[in-house]
Amino acid sequence: MEEIEELVSIGMPVYNDKSFLPLALESLLNQSYRHFELILSDDCSTDGSAEICKEAEKWDTRIRYIRQPSNIGISRNMKFLLNQAKGKYFMWAANDDLWHPDFIKELVRGLQNRADSVAAFCAVKEIDEKGNEIQTLSAESIDYSGKHPEIRLKKLIRRFYDGFGYGLFVRDQITNVRFPVWWGINRNSPYNNIYPSLCFYLTRGNYVSCGEIPMWYNRMKSEENIHHKIPFPNHFIRGYFAFLLRKFNLVIFSLKEIRRAGGSFLLIAQITPSMFYHWFLKPGYYGFLTDAKRLLRGKISFW
């Protein structure tokens, strides 16, 4: 009997990515770990992605396709997929990424070997739209493991990388996680909104690093192919204000997720200064310098 045969649920939010979707589906269906369900939640795609999903559902019984009646946005779609899952383990899968054939097998093994862990992840290869390698991130550079939540969270705060939100999780440990919708002018921009969920996971339990072989291939797309845009990208004052508000949202919602995950007020007091510095003050300073240079070069308008 196989050492690892628990059901893994894969949740894929789908939205207007027909150029990459077939390869993403093929990559998942070619996993050496076969015992999984793949849930596709289509957020009202208009580019033909729906037809690709429907065809895939016909030729593999592990696939379940759901089309949302109206566009609910990426945050609500991520939560919807988690609520639909039945497996002991769960992972989100972007509809434009690729995976090593042993991705699920190795991450399941990692979680089974570490009873205190909630999340497992690996080294990462970033690829461009043609599949060419851009860079590799070592497992060590994005290892957020630690005996205590304070250690794990401070590692994330100082060496932040949101990729492990696409790792593998023990599902019943993360069912209460939330993906925020930012306040005000950032409500339609999901940038950075995965970080509060990462804080939730690291508060709930440990993190397993599964070796130095890159097993997740993160697709980096050009600006014209990114669906989610930042507010006022060509305006100095309005754009910078939106940026600061988003970073402030990030700190507040992250602290809320730590508390919701069972973090104590002492833990929050211990990590708040570091989080406020690294996730608000520091990016605010460098963001101002960057936008000021763009303004002086005539790349953006003042207001």
C-alpha atoms as a PDB file:
ATOM      1  CA  MET A   1       0.000   0.000   0.000  1.00  0.00           C
ATOM      2  CA  GLU A   2       1.190   3.520  -0.811  1.00  0.00           C
ATOM      3  CA  GLU A   3       2.618   5.503   2.084  1.00  0.00           C
ATOM      4  CA  ILE A   4       0.620   8.556   1.077  1.00  0.00           C
ATOM      5  CA  GLU A   5      -2.940   8.217  -0.200  1.00  0.00           C
ATOM      6  CA  GLU A   6      -5.011  10.836   1.613  1.00  0.00           C
ATOM      7  CA  LEU A   7      -7.290  12.902  -0.620  1.00  0.00           C
ATOM      8  CA  VAL A   8      -5.788  16.223  -1.714  1.00  0.00           C
ATOM      9  CA  SER A   9      -8.163  18.993  -2.795  1.00  0.00           C
ATOM     10  CA  ILE A  10      -6.889  21.478  -5.367  1.00  0.00           C
ATOM     11  CA  GLY A  11      -8.780  24.738  -5.769  1.00  0.00           C
ATOM     12  CA  MET A  12      -8.148  26.693  -8.969  1.00  0.00           C
ATOM     13  CA  PRO A  13      -9.698  30.158  -9.359  1.00  0.00           C
ATOM     14  CA  VAL A  14     -10.205  30.721 -13.088  1.00  0.00           C
ATOM     15  CA  TYR A  15     -10.545  34.069 -14.806  1.00  0.00           C
ATOM     16  CA  ASN A  16      -9.719  34.933 -18.422  1.00  0.00           C
ATOM     17  CA  ASP A  17      -6.435  33.064 -18.805  1.00  0.00           C
ATOM     18  CA  LYS A  18      -7.129  30.750 -21.738  1.00  0.00           C
ATOM     19  CA  SER A  19      -3.575  31.150 -23.059  1.00  0.00           C
ATOM     20  CA  PHE A  20      -2.114  29.503 -19.941  1.00  0.00           C
ATOM     21  CA  LEU A  21      -5.005  27.466 -18.545  1.00  0.00           C
ATOM     22  CA  PRO A  22      -4.532  24.296 -20.664  1.00  0.00           C
ATOM     23  CA  LEU A  23      -0.882  23.964 -19.594  1.00  0.00           C
ATOM     24  CA  ALA A  24      -1.785  24.559 -15.959  1.00  0.00           C
ATOM     25  CA  LEU A  25      -4.447  21.833 -16.076  1.00  0.00           C
ATOM     26  CA  GLU A  26      -2.103  19.424 -17.830  1.00  0.00           C
ATOM     27  CA  SER A  27       0.615  20.071 -15.252  1.00  0.00           C
ATOM     28  CA  LEU A  28      -1.732  19.216 -12.373  1.00  0.00           C
ATOM     29  CA  LEU A  29      -3.252  16.168 -14.057  1.00  0.00           C
ATOM     30  CA  ASN A  30       0.258  14.798 -14.650  1.00  0.00           C
ATOM     31  CA  GLN A  31       1.076  14.734 -10.932  1.00  0.00           C
ATOM     32  CA  SER A  32       2.610  11.475  -9.707  1.00  0.00           C
ATOM     33  CA  TYR A  33       0.283  11.707  -6.697  1.00  0.00           C
ATOM     34  CA  ARG A  34      -3.019  10.644  -8.225  1.00  0.00           C
ATOM     35  CA  HIS A  35      -5.510  10.819  -5.364  1.00  0.00           C
ATOM     36  CA  PHE A  36      -6.826  14.358  -5.693  1.00  0.00           C
ATOM     37  CA  GLU A  37      -9.861  16.379  -6.661  1.00  0.00           C
ATOM     38  CA  LEU A  38      -9.474  19.489  -8.803  1.00  0.00           C
ATOM     39  CA  ILE A  39     -12.143  22.143  -8.278  1.00  0.00           C
ATOM     40  CA  LEU A  40     -12.324  24.869 -10.933  1.00  0.00           C
ATOM     41  CA  SER A  41     -14.212  28.010  -9.955  1.00  0.00           C
ATOM     42  CA  ASP A  42     -14.733  30.239 -12.978  1.00  0.00           C
ATOM     43  CA  ASP A  43     -15.330  33.865 -11.991  1.00  0.00           C
ATOM     44  CA  CYS A  44     -17.368  34.696 -15.106  1.00  0.00           C
ATOM     45  CA  SER A  45     -14.595  34.383 -17.703  1.00  0.00           C
ATOM     46  CA  THR A  46     -15.382  35.834 -21.121  1.00  0.00           C
ATOM     47  CA  ASP A  47     -12.347  34.697 -23.144  1.00  0.00           C
ATOM     48  CA  GLY A  48     -13.114  31.003 -23.712  1.00  0.00           C
ATOM     49  CA  SER A  49     -11.681  29.732 -20.410  1.00  0.00           C
ATOM     50  CA  ALA A  50     -15.103  28.298 -19.520  1.00  0.00           C
ATOM     51  CA  GLU A  51     -15.076  26.025 -22.560  1.00  0.00           C
ATOM     52  CA  ILE A  52     -11.599  24.734 -21.668  1.00  0.00           C
ATOM     53  CA  CYS A  53     -12.788  23.917 -18.146  1.00  0.00           C
ATOM     54  CA  LYS A  54     -15.914  22.149 -19.377  1.00  0.00           C
ATOM     55  CA  GLU A  55     -13.904  19.979 -21.767  1.00  0.00           C
ATOM     56  CA  ALA A  56     -11.404  19.111 -19.040  1.00  0.00           C
ATOM     57  CA  GLU A  57     -14.251  18.057 -16.728  1.00  0.00           C
ATOM     58  CA  LYS A  58     -15.461  15.628 -19.394  1.00  0.00           C
ATOM     59  CA  TRP A  59     -12.187  13.747 -19.741  1.00  0.00           C
ATOM     60  CA  ASP A  60     -11.084  13.510 -16.108  1.00  0.00           C
ATOM     61  CA  THR A  61     -13.478  12.526 -13.331  1.00  0.00           C
ATOM     62  CA  ARG A  62     -11.296  14.206 -10.709  1.00  0.00           C
ATOM     63  CA  ILE A  63     -12.263  17.612 -12.099  1.00  0.00           C
ATOM     64  CA  ARG A  64     -15.316  19.527 -10.899  1.00  0.00           C
ATOM     65  CA  TYR A  65     -16.220  22.751 -12.721  1.00  0.00           C
ATOM     66  CA  ILE A  66     -18.267  25.524 -11.124  1.00  0.00           C
ATOM     67  CA  ARG A  67     -19.130  28.824 -12.793  1.00  0.00           C
ATOM     68  CA  GLN A  68     -19.974  31.727 -10.525  1.00  0.00           C
ATOM     69  CA  PRO A  69     -23.293  33.455 -11.392  1.00  0.00           C
ATOM     70  CA  SER A  70     -21.579  36.843 -11.074  1.00  0.00           C
ATOM     71  CA  ASN A  71     -18.021  38.062 -10.664  1.00  0.00           C
ATOM     72  CA  ILE A  72     -17.060  37.727  -6.986  1.00  0.00           C
ATOM     73  CA  GLY A  73     -13.385  38.711  -7.166  1.00  0.00           C
ATOM     74  CA  ILE A  74     -10.268  36.702  -6.372  1.00  0.00           C
ATOM     75  CA  SER A  75     -10.517  36.983  -2.556  1.00  0.00           C
ATOM     76  CA  ARG A  76     -14.030  35.554  -2.371  1.00  0.00           C
ATOM     77  CA  ASN A  77     -13.214  32.968  -5.026  1.00  0.00           C
ATOM     78  CA  MET A  78     -10.251  31.683  -3.005  1.00  0.00           C
ATOM     79  CA  LYS A  79     -12.466  31.297   0.059  1.00  0.00           C
ATOM     80  CA  PHE A  80     -15.212  29.659  -2.004  1.00  0.00           C
ATOM     81  CA  LEU A  81     -12.795  27.008  -3.243  1.00  0.00           C
ATOM     82  CA  LEU A  82     -11.609  26.200   0.258  1.00  0.00           C
ATOM     83  CA  ASN A  83     -15.214  25.777   1.381  1.00  0.00           C
ATOM     84  CA  GLN A  84     -15.848  23.323  -1.485  1.00  0.00           C
ATOM     85  CA  ALA A  85     -12.888  21.076  -0.626  1.00  0.00           C
ATOM     86  CA  LYS A  86     -13.236  17.599   0.896  1.00  0.00           C
ATOM     87  CA  GLY A  87      -9.627  16.419   1.181  1.00  0.00           C
ATOM     88  CA  LYS A  88      -7.408  16.134   4.220  1.00  0.00           C
ATOM     89  CA  TYR A  89      -4.941  18.389   2.418  1.00  0.00           C
ATOM     90  CA  PHE A  90      -5.651  21.469   0.340  1.00  0.00           C
ATOM     91  CA  MET A  91      -3.826  23.717  -2.098  1.00  0.00           C
ATOM     92  CA  TRP A  92      -4.733  26.678  -4.260  1.00  0.00           C
ATOM     93  CA  ALA A  93      -3.476  26.549  -7.842  1.00  0.00           C
ATOM     94  CA  ALA A  94      -3.234  29.619 -10.064  1.00  0.00           C
ATOM     95  CA  ASN A  95      -4.583  29.076 -13.569  1.00  0.00           C
ATOM     96  CA  ASP A  96      -1.348  30.198 -15.200  1.00  0.00           C
ATOM     97  CA  ASP A  97       1.316  28.361 -13.147  1.00  0.00           C
ATOM     98  CA  LEU A  98       3.064  24.995 -13.591  1.00  0.00           C
ATOM     99  CA  TRP A  99       4.173  22.266 -11.171  1.00  0.00           C
ATOM    100  CA  HIS A 100       6.862  19.599 -11.029  1.00  0.00           C
ATOM    101  CA  PRO A 101       5.249  16.131 -11.343  1.00  0.00           C
ATOM    102  CA  ASP A 102       6.225  15.322  -7.743  1.00  0.00           C
ATOM    103  CA  PHE A 103       4.998  18.600  -6.225  1.00  0.00           C
ATOM    104  CA  ILE A 104       1.984  17.147  -4.401  1.00  0.00           C
ATOM    105  CA  LYS A 105       3.715  13.890  -3.459  1.00  0.00           C
ATOM    106  CA  GLU A 106       6.678  15.610  -1.833  1.00  0.00           C
ATOM    107  CA  LEU A 107       4.602  18.191   0.018  1.00  0.00           C
ATOM    108  CA  VAL A 108       2.185  15.561   1.341  1.00  0.00           C
ATOM    109  CA  ARG A 109       5.170  13.582   2.587  1.00  0.00           C
ATOM    110  CA  GLY A 110       6.541  16.688   4.259  1.00  0.00           C
ATOM    111  CA  LEU A 111       3.314  17.318   6.158  1.00  0.00           C
ATOM    112  CA  GLN A 112       2.977  13.674   7.162  1.00  0.00           C
ATOM    113  CA  ASN A 113       6.486  13.685   8.585  1.00  0.00           C
ATOM    114  CA  ARG A 114       5.872  16.806  10.714  1.00  0.00           C
ATOM    115  CA  ALA A 115       2.799  16.503  12.904  1.00  0.00           C
ATOM    116  CA  ASP A 116       3.122  20.093  14.183  1.00  0.00           C
ATOM    117  CA  SER A 117       2.954  21.600  10.701  1.00  0.00           C
ATOM    118  CA  VAL A 118       0.105  23.297   8.867  1.00  0.00           C
ATOM    119  CA  ALA A 119       1.879  24.324   5.640  1.00  0.00           C
ATOM    120  CA  ALA A 120       4.447  22.767   3.312  1.00  0.00           C
ATOM    121  CA  PHE A 121       6.328  24.469   0.503  1.00  0.00           C
ATOM    122  CA  CYS A 122       9.446  24.141  -1.638  1.00  0.00           C
ATOM    123  CA  ALA A 123      12.006  25.961  -3.749  1.00  0.00           C
ATOM    124  CA  VAL A 124      10.489  28.069  -6.546  1.00  0.00           C
ATOM    125  CA  LYS A 125      11.323  28.735 -10.151  1.00  0.00           C
ATOM    126  CA  GLU A 126       9.896  31.938 -11.610  1.00  0.00           C
ATOM    127  CA  ILE A 127       9.137  31.710 -15.331  1.00  0.00           C
ATOM    128  CA  ASP A 128       8.043  34.186 -17.980  1.00  0.00           C
ATOM    129  CA  GLU A 129       5.077  33.916 -20.306  1.00  0.00           C
ATOM    130  CA  LYS A 130       6.998  31.614 -22.649  1.00  0.00           C
ATOM    131  CA  GLY A 131       8.120  29.319 -19.843  1.00  0.00           C
ATOM    132  CA  ASN A 132      11.698  30.605 -19.707  1.00  0.00           C
ATOM    133  CA  GLU A 133      13.345  30.741 -16.291  1.00  0.00           C
ATOM    134  CA  ILE A 134      13.677  34.192 -14.738  1.00  0.00           C
ATOM    135  CA  GLN A 135      15.128  33.219 -11.375  1.00  0.00           C
ATOM    136  CA  THR A 136      15.113  30.464  -8.751  1.00  0.00           C
ATOM    137  CA  LEU A 137      14.301  31.046  -5.100  1.00  0.00           C
ATOM    138  CA  SER A 138      15.910  28.519  -2.801  1.00  0.00           C
ATOM    139  CA  ALA A 139      13.857  26.715  -0.184  1.00  0.00           C
ATOM    140  CA  GLU A 140      16.188  28.112   2.475  1.00  0.00           C
ATOM    141  CA  SER A 141      15.514  31.716   1.450  1.00  0.00           C
ATOM    142  CA  ILE A 142      11.762  31.256   1.948  1.00  0.00           C
ATOM    143  CA  ASP A 143      11.820  28.901   4.923  1.00  0.00           C
ATOM    144  CA  TYR A 144       9.423  30.210   7.584  1.00  0.00           C
ATOM    145  CA  SER A 145       9.660  27.288   9.984  1.00  0.00           C
ATOM    146  CA  GLY A 146      10.176  27.784  13.692  1.00  0.00           C
ATOM    147  CA  LYS A 147       9.192  26.345  17.042  1.00  0.00           C
ATOM    148  CA  HIS A 148       7.116  29.377  18.036  1.00  0.00           C
ATOM    149  CA  PRO A 149       4.703  31.609  16.069  1.00  0.00           C
ATOM    150  CA  GLU A 150       6.767  34.702  16.875  1.00  0.00           C
ATOM    151  CA  ILE A 151       9.811  33.190  15.146  1.00  0.00           C
ATOM    152  CA  ARG A 152       7.824  32.128  12.092  1.00  0.00           C
ATOM    153  CA  LEU A 153       6.034  35.441  11.712  1.00  0.00           C
ATOM    154  CA  LYS A 154       9.170  37.535  12.099  1.00  0.00           C
ATOM    155  CA  LYS A 155      10.847  35.477   9.385  1.00  0.00           C
ATOM    156  CA  LEU A 156       7.936  36.230   7.040  1.00  0.00           C
ATOM    157  CA  ILE A 157       7.865  39.911   7.947  1.00  0.00           C
ATOM    158  CA  ARG A 158      11.571  40.390   7.231  1.00  0.00           C
ATOM    159  CA  ARG A 159      11.900  38.032   4.229  1.00  0.00           C
ATOM    160  CA  PHE A 160       8.402  38.306   2.843  1.00  0.00           C
ATOM    161  CA  TYR A 161       7.395  36.197  -0.129  1.00  0.00           C
ATOM    162  CA  ASP A 162       3.778  35.327  -0.849  1.00  0.00           C
ATOM    163  CA  GLY A 163       4.447  32.157  -2.864  1.00  0.00           C
ATOM    164  CA  PHE A 164       3.845  29.743  -0.036  1.00  0.00           C
ATOM    165  CA  GLY A 165       0.173  30.707  -0.177  1.00  0.00           C
ATOM    166  CA  TYR A 166       0.239  28.231  -3.085  1.00  0.00           C
ATOM    167  CA  GLY A 167       1.822  25.460  -1.040  1.00  0.00           C
ATOM    168  CA  LEU A 168       0.008  22.541   0.580  1.00  0.00           C
ATOM    169  CA  PHE A 169      -2.021  22.848   3.795  1.00  0.00           C
ATOM    170  CA  VAL A 170      -3.720  20.676   6.371  1.00  0.00           C
ATOM    171  CA  ARG A 171      -7.248  21.685   5.455  1.00  0.00           C
ATOM    172  CA  ASP A 172      -8.987  21.477   8.812  1.00  0.00           C
ATOM    173  CA  GLN A 173      -6.346  23.810  10.279  1.00  0.00           C
ATOM    174  CA  ILE A 174      -7.020  26.637   7.816  1.00  0.00           C
ATOM    175  CA  THR A 175     -10.779  26.543   7.175  1.00  0.00           C
ATOM    176  CA  ASN A 176     -11.349  29.833   9.046  1.00  0.00           C
ATOM    177  CA  VAL A 177      -8.783  31.836   7.086  1.00  0.00           C
ATOM    178  CA  ARG A 178     -10.004  34.999   5.382  1.00  0.00           C
ATOM    179  CA  PHE A 179      -8.781  36.851   2.321  1.00  0.00           C
ATOM    180  CA  PRO A 180      -9.403  40.561   2.832  1.00  0.00           C
ATOM    181  CA  VAL A 181     -10.901  43.030   0.434  1.00  0.00           C
ATOM    182  CA  TRP A 182      -9.008  46.272   0.962  1.00  0.00           C
ATOM    183  CA  TRP A 183     -10.797  49.395   2.120  1.00  0.00           C
ATOM    184  CA  GLY A 184     -11.764  52.332  -0.052  1.00  0.00           C
ATOM    185  CA  ILE A 185      -9.965  53.040  -3.302  1.00  0.00           C
ATOM    186  CA  ASN A 186      -8.069  49.720  -3.154  1.00  0.00           C
ATOM    187  CA  ARG A 187     -11.207  47.558  -2.953  1.00  0.00           C
ATOM    188  CA  ASN A 188     -10.750  46.302  -6.528  1.00  0.00           C
ATOM    189  CA  SER A 189      -7.001  45.688  -6.154  1.00  0.00           C
ATOM    190  CA  PRO A 190      -5.980  42.413  -4.496  1.00  0.00           C
ATOM    191  CA  TYR A 191      -2.261  43.224  -4.396  1.00  0.00           C
ATOM    192  CA  ASN A 192      -0.670  41.985  -1.128  1.00  0.00           C
ATOM    193  CA  ASN A 193      -3.974  40.548   0.126  1.00  0.00           C
ATOM    194  CA  ILE A 194      -2.532  37.045   0.467  1.00  0.00           C
ATOM    195  CA  TYR A 195      -0.164  38.104   3.262  1.00  0.00           C
ATOM    196  CA  PRO A 196      -2.770  38.199   6.065  1.00  0.00           C
ATOM    197  CA  SER A 197      -3.606  34.580   5.212  1.00  0.00           C
ATOM    198  CA  LEU A 198       0.086  33.655   5.480  1.00  0.00           C
ATOM    199  CA  CYS A 199       0.131  35.200   8.949  1.00  0.00           C
ATOM    200  CA  PHE A 200      -2.895  33.063   9.837  1.00  0.00           C
ATOM    201  CA  TYR A 201      -1.126  29.845   8.770  1.00  0.00           C
ATOM    202  CA  LEU A 202       2.112  30.616  10.591  1.00  0.00           C
ATOM    203  CA  THR A 203       0.184  31.398  13.753  1.00  0.00           C
ATOM    204  CA  ARG A 204      -1.750  28.130  13.519  1.00  0.00           C
ATOM    205  CA  GLY A 205       1.242  25.838  13.106  1.00  0.00           C
ATOM    206  CA  ASN A 206       4.683  25.135  11.731  1.00  0.00           C
ATOM    207  CA  TYR A 207       5.983  25.311   8.163  1.00  0.00           C
ATOM    208  CA  VAL A 208       7.747  22.441   6.359  1.00  0.00           C
ATOM    209  CA  SER A 209      10.421  23.162   3.763  1.00  0.00           C
ATOM    210  CA  CYS A 210      10.527  20.316   1.237  1.00  0.00           C
ATOM    211  CA  GLY A 211      13.969  20.361  -0.350  1.00  0.00           C
ATOM    212  CA  GLU A 212      15.950  22.473  -2.789  1.00  0.00           C
ATOM    213  CA  ILE A 213      14.517  21.162  -6.067  1.00  0.00           C
ATOM    214  CA  PRO A 214      12.157  23.833  -7.492  1.00  0.00           C
ATOM    215  CA  MET A 215       8.746  22.190  -7.760  1.00  0.00           C
ATOM    216  CA  TRP A 216       6.479  25.201  -8.242  1.00  0.00           C
ATOM    217  CA  TYR A 217       6.889  27.295 -11.391  1.00  0.00           C
ATOM    218  CA  ASN A 218       5.442  30.723 -10.728  1.00  0.00           C
ATOM    219  CA  ARG A 219       4.382  32.478 -13.936  1.00  0.00           C
ATOM    220  CA  MET A 220       5.364  36.150 -14.053  1.00  0.00           C
ATOM    221  CA  LYS A 221       3.187  37.923 -16.604  1.00  0.00           C
ATOM    222  CA  SER A 222       3.614  41.201 -18.438  1.00  0.00           C
ATOM    223  CA  GLU A 223       1.560  44.194 -17.333  1.00  0.00           C
ATOM    224  CA  GLU A 224      -0.974  43.890 -20.153  1.00  0.00           C
ATOM    225  CA  ASN A 225      -1.814  40.313 -19.135  1.00  0.00           C
ATOM    226  CA  ILE A 226      -2.312  41.039 -15.422  1.00  0.00           C
ATOM    227  CA  HIS A 227      -6.018  41.360 -14.630  1.00  0.00           C
ATOM    228  CA  HIS A 228      -5.703  43.283 -11.369  1.00  0.00           C
ATOM    229  CA  LYS A 229      -4.482  46.863 -11.586  1.00  0.00           C
ATOM    230  CA  ILE A 230      -3.336  49.275  -8.885  1.00  0.00           C
ATOM    231  CA  PRO A 231      -5.315  52.523  -8.495  1.00  0.00           C
ATOM    232  CA  PHE A 232      -3.964  55.672 -10.159  1.00  0.00           C
ATOM    233  CA  PRO A 233      -0.709  54.169 -11.511  1.00  0.00           C
ATOM    234  CA  ASN A 234       0.122  57.347 -13.450  1.00  0.00           C
ATOM    235  CA  HIS A 235      -0.597  59.898 -10.698  1.00  0.00           C
ATOM    236  CA  PHE A 236       1.865  60.820  -7.950  1.00  0.00           C
ATOM    237  CA  ILE A 237      -0.356  62.090  -5.108  1.00  0.00           C
ATOM    238  CA  ARG A 238      -3.390  59.860  -5.638  1.00  0.00           C
ATOM    239  CA  GLY A 239      -1.293  56.823  -6.485  1.00  0.00           C
ATOM    240  CA  TYR A 240       0.977  57.226  -3.482  1.00  0.00           C
ATOM    241  CA  PHE A 241      -1.981  57.742  -1.151  1.00  0.00           C
ATOM    242  CA  ALA A 242      -3.593  54.539  -2.471  1.00  0.00           C
ATOM    243  CA  PHE A 243      -0.271  52.735  -1.963  1.00  0.00           C
ATOM    244  CA  LEU A 244       0.013  53.900   1.663  1.00  0.00           C
ATOM    245  CA  LEU A 245      -3.591  52.982   2.372  1.00  0.00           C
ATOM    246  CA  ARG A 246      -3.046  49.498   0.973  1.00  0.00           C
ATOM    247  CA  LYS A 247       0.052  48.995   3.132  1.00  0.00           C
ATOM    248  CA  PHE A 248      -1.863  50.219   6.183  1.00  0.00           C
ATOM    249  CA  ASN A 249      -4.638  47.759   5.329  1.00  0.00           C
ATOM    250  CA  LEU A 250      -2.011  45.041   5.062  1.00  0.00           C
ATOM    251  CA  VAL A 251      -0.766  45.605   8.619  1.00  0.00           C
ATOM    252  CA  ILE A 252      -4.244  45.878  10.158  1.00  0.00           C
ATOM    253  CA  PHE A 253      -5.695  42.819   8.406  1.00  0.00           C
ATOM    254  CA  SER A 254      -2.564  40.755   9.111  1.00  0.00           C
ATOM    255  CA  LEU A 255      -2.805  41.488  12.814  1.00  0.00           C
ATOM    256  CA  LYS A 256      -6.493  40.585  12.728  1.00  0.00           C
ATOM    257  CA  GLU A 257      -5.715  37.228  11.078  1.00  0.00           C
ATOM    258  CA  ILE A 258      -3.057  36.477  13.689  1.00  0.00           C
ATOM    259  CA  ARG A 259      -5.623  37.090  16.395  1.00  0.00           C
ATOM    260  CA  ARG A 260      -8.277  35.022  14.588  1.00  0.00           C
ATOM    261  CA  ALA A 261      -5.794  32.152  14.234  1.00  0.00           C
ATOM    262  CA  GLY A 262      -5.443  31.993  18.003  1.00  0.00           C
ATOM    263  CA  GLY A 263      -2.532  34.371  18.464  1.00  0.00           C
ATOM    264  CA  SER A 264      -2.322  36.006  21.881  1.00  0.00           C
ATOM    265  CA  PHE A 265      -2.228  39.733  22.548  1.00  0.00           C
ATOM    266  CA  LEU A 266       1.357  39.195  23.694  1.00  0.00           C
ATOM    267  CA  LEU A 267       2.248  37.708  20.297  1.00  0.00           C
ATOM    268  CA  ILE A 268       0.629  40.661  18.544  1.00  0.00           C
ATOM    269  CA  ALA A 269       2.552  43.087  20.752  1.00  0.00           C
ATOM    270  CA  GLN A 270       5.797  41.246  19.950  1.00  0.00           C
ATOM    271  CA  ILE A 271       5.465  41.352  16.166  1.00  0.00           C
ATOM    272  CA  THR A 272       3.593  44.648  15.585  1.00  0.00           C
ATOM    273  CA  PRO A 273       6.680  46.952  15.653  1.00  0.00           C
ATOM    274  CA  SER A 274       8.535  44.792  13.123  1.00  0.00           C
ATOM    275  CA  MET A 275       5.479  44.449  10.899  1.00  0.00           C
ATOM    276  CA  PHE A 276       4.721  48.170  10.987  1.00  0.00           C
ATOM    277  CA  TYR A 277       8.314  48.994  10.058  1.00  0.00           C
ATOM    278  CA  HIS A 278       8.840  46.405   7.305  1.00  0.00           C
ATOM    279  CA  TRP A 279       5.330  46.427   5.817  1.00  0.00           C
ATOM    280  CA  PHE A 280       4.375  50.093   6.150  1.00  0.00           C
ATOM    281  CA  LEU A 281       7.154  52.561   7.000  1.00  0.00           C
ATOM    282  CA  LYS A 282       9.920  51.061   4.869  1.00  0.00           C
ATOM    283  CA  PRO A 283       7.854  50.468   1.714  1.00  0.00           C
ATOM    284  CA  GLY A 284       6.239  53.878   2.233  1.00  0.00           C
ATOM    285  CA  TYR A 285       9.651  55.550   2.198  1.00  0.00           C
ATOM    286  CA  TYR A 286      10.968  53.704  -0.855  1.00  0.00           C
ATOM    287  CA  GLY A 287       7.631  54.006  -2.618  1.00  0.00           C
ATOM    288  CA  PHE A 288       7.769  57.769  -2.212  1.00  0.00           C
ATOM    289  CA  LEU A 289      11.298  57.948  -3.617  1.00  0.00           C
ATOM    290  CA  THR A 290      10.376  55.762  -6.578  1.00  0.00           C
ATOM    291  CA  ASP A 291       7.280  57.767  -7.474  1.00  0.00           C
ATOM    292  CA  ALA A 292       9.090  61.077  -6.936  1.00  0.00           C
ATOM    293  CA  LYS A 293      11.740  60.019  -9.458  1.00  0.00           C
ATOM    294  CA  ARG A 294       9.038  59.025 -11.945  1.00  0.00           C
ATOM    295  CA  LEU A 295       7.372  62.415 -11.428  1.00  0.00           C
ATOM    296  CA  LEU A 296      10.620  64.335 -12.041  1.00  0.00           C
ATOM    297  CA  ARG A 297      11.218  62.330 -15.218  1.00  0.00           C
ATOM    298  CA  GLY A 298       7.746  63.172 -16.486  1.00  0.00           C
ATOM    299  CA  LYS A 299       6.565  59.582 -16.344  1.00  0.00           C
ATOM    300  CA  ILE A 300       3.555  60.398 -14.129  1.00  0.00           C
ATOM    301  CA  SER A 301       1.458  63.478 -13.398  1.00  0.00           C
ATOM    302  CA  PHE A 302       1.475  65.252 -10.022  1.00  0.00           C
ATOM    303  CA  TRP A 303      -2.211  64.746  -9.191  1.00  0.00           C
END
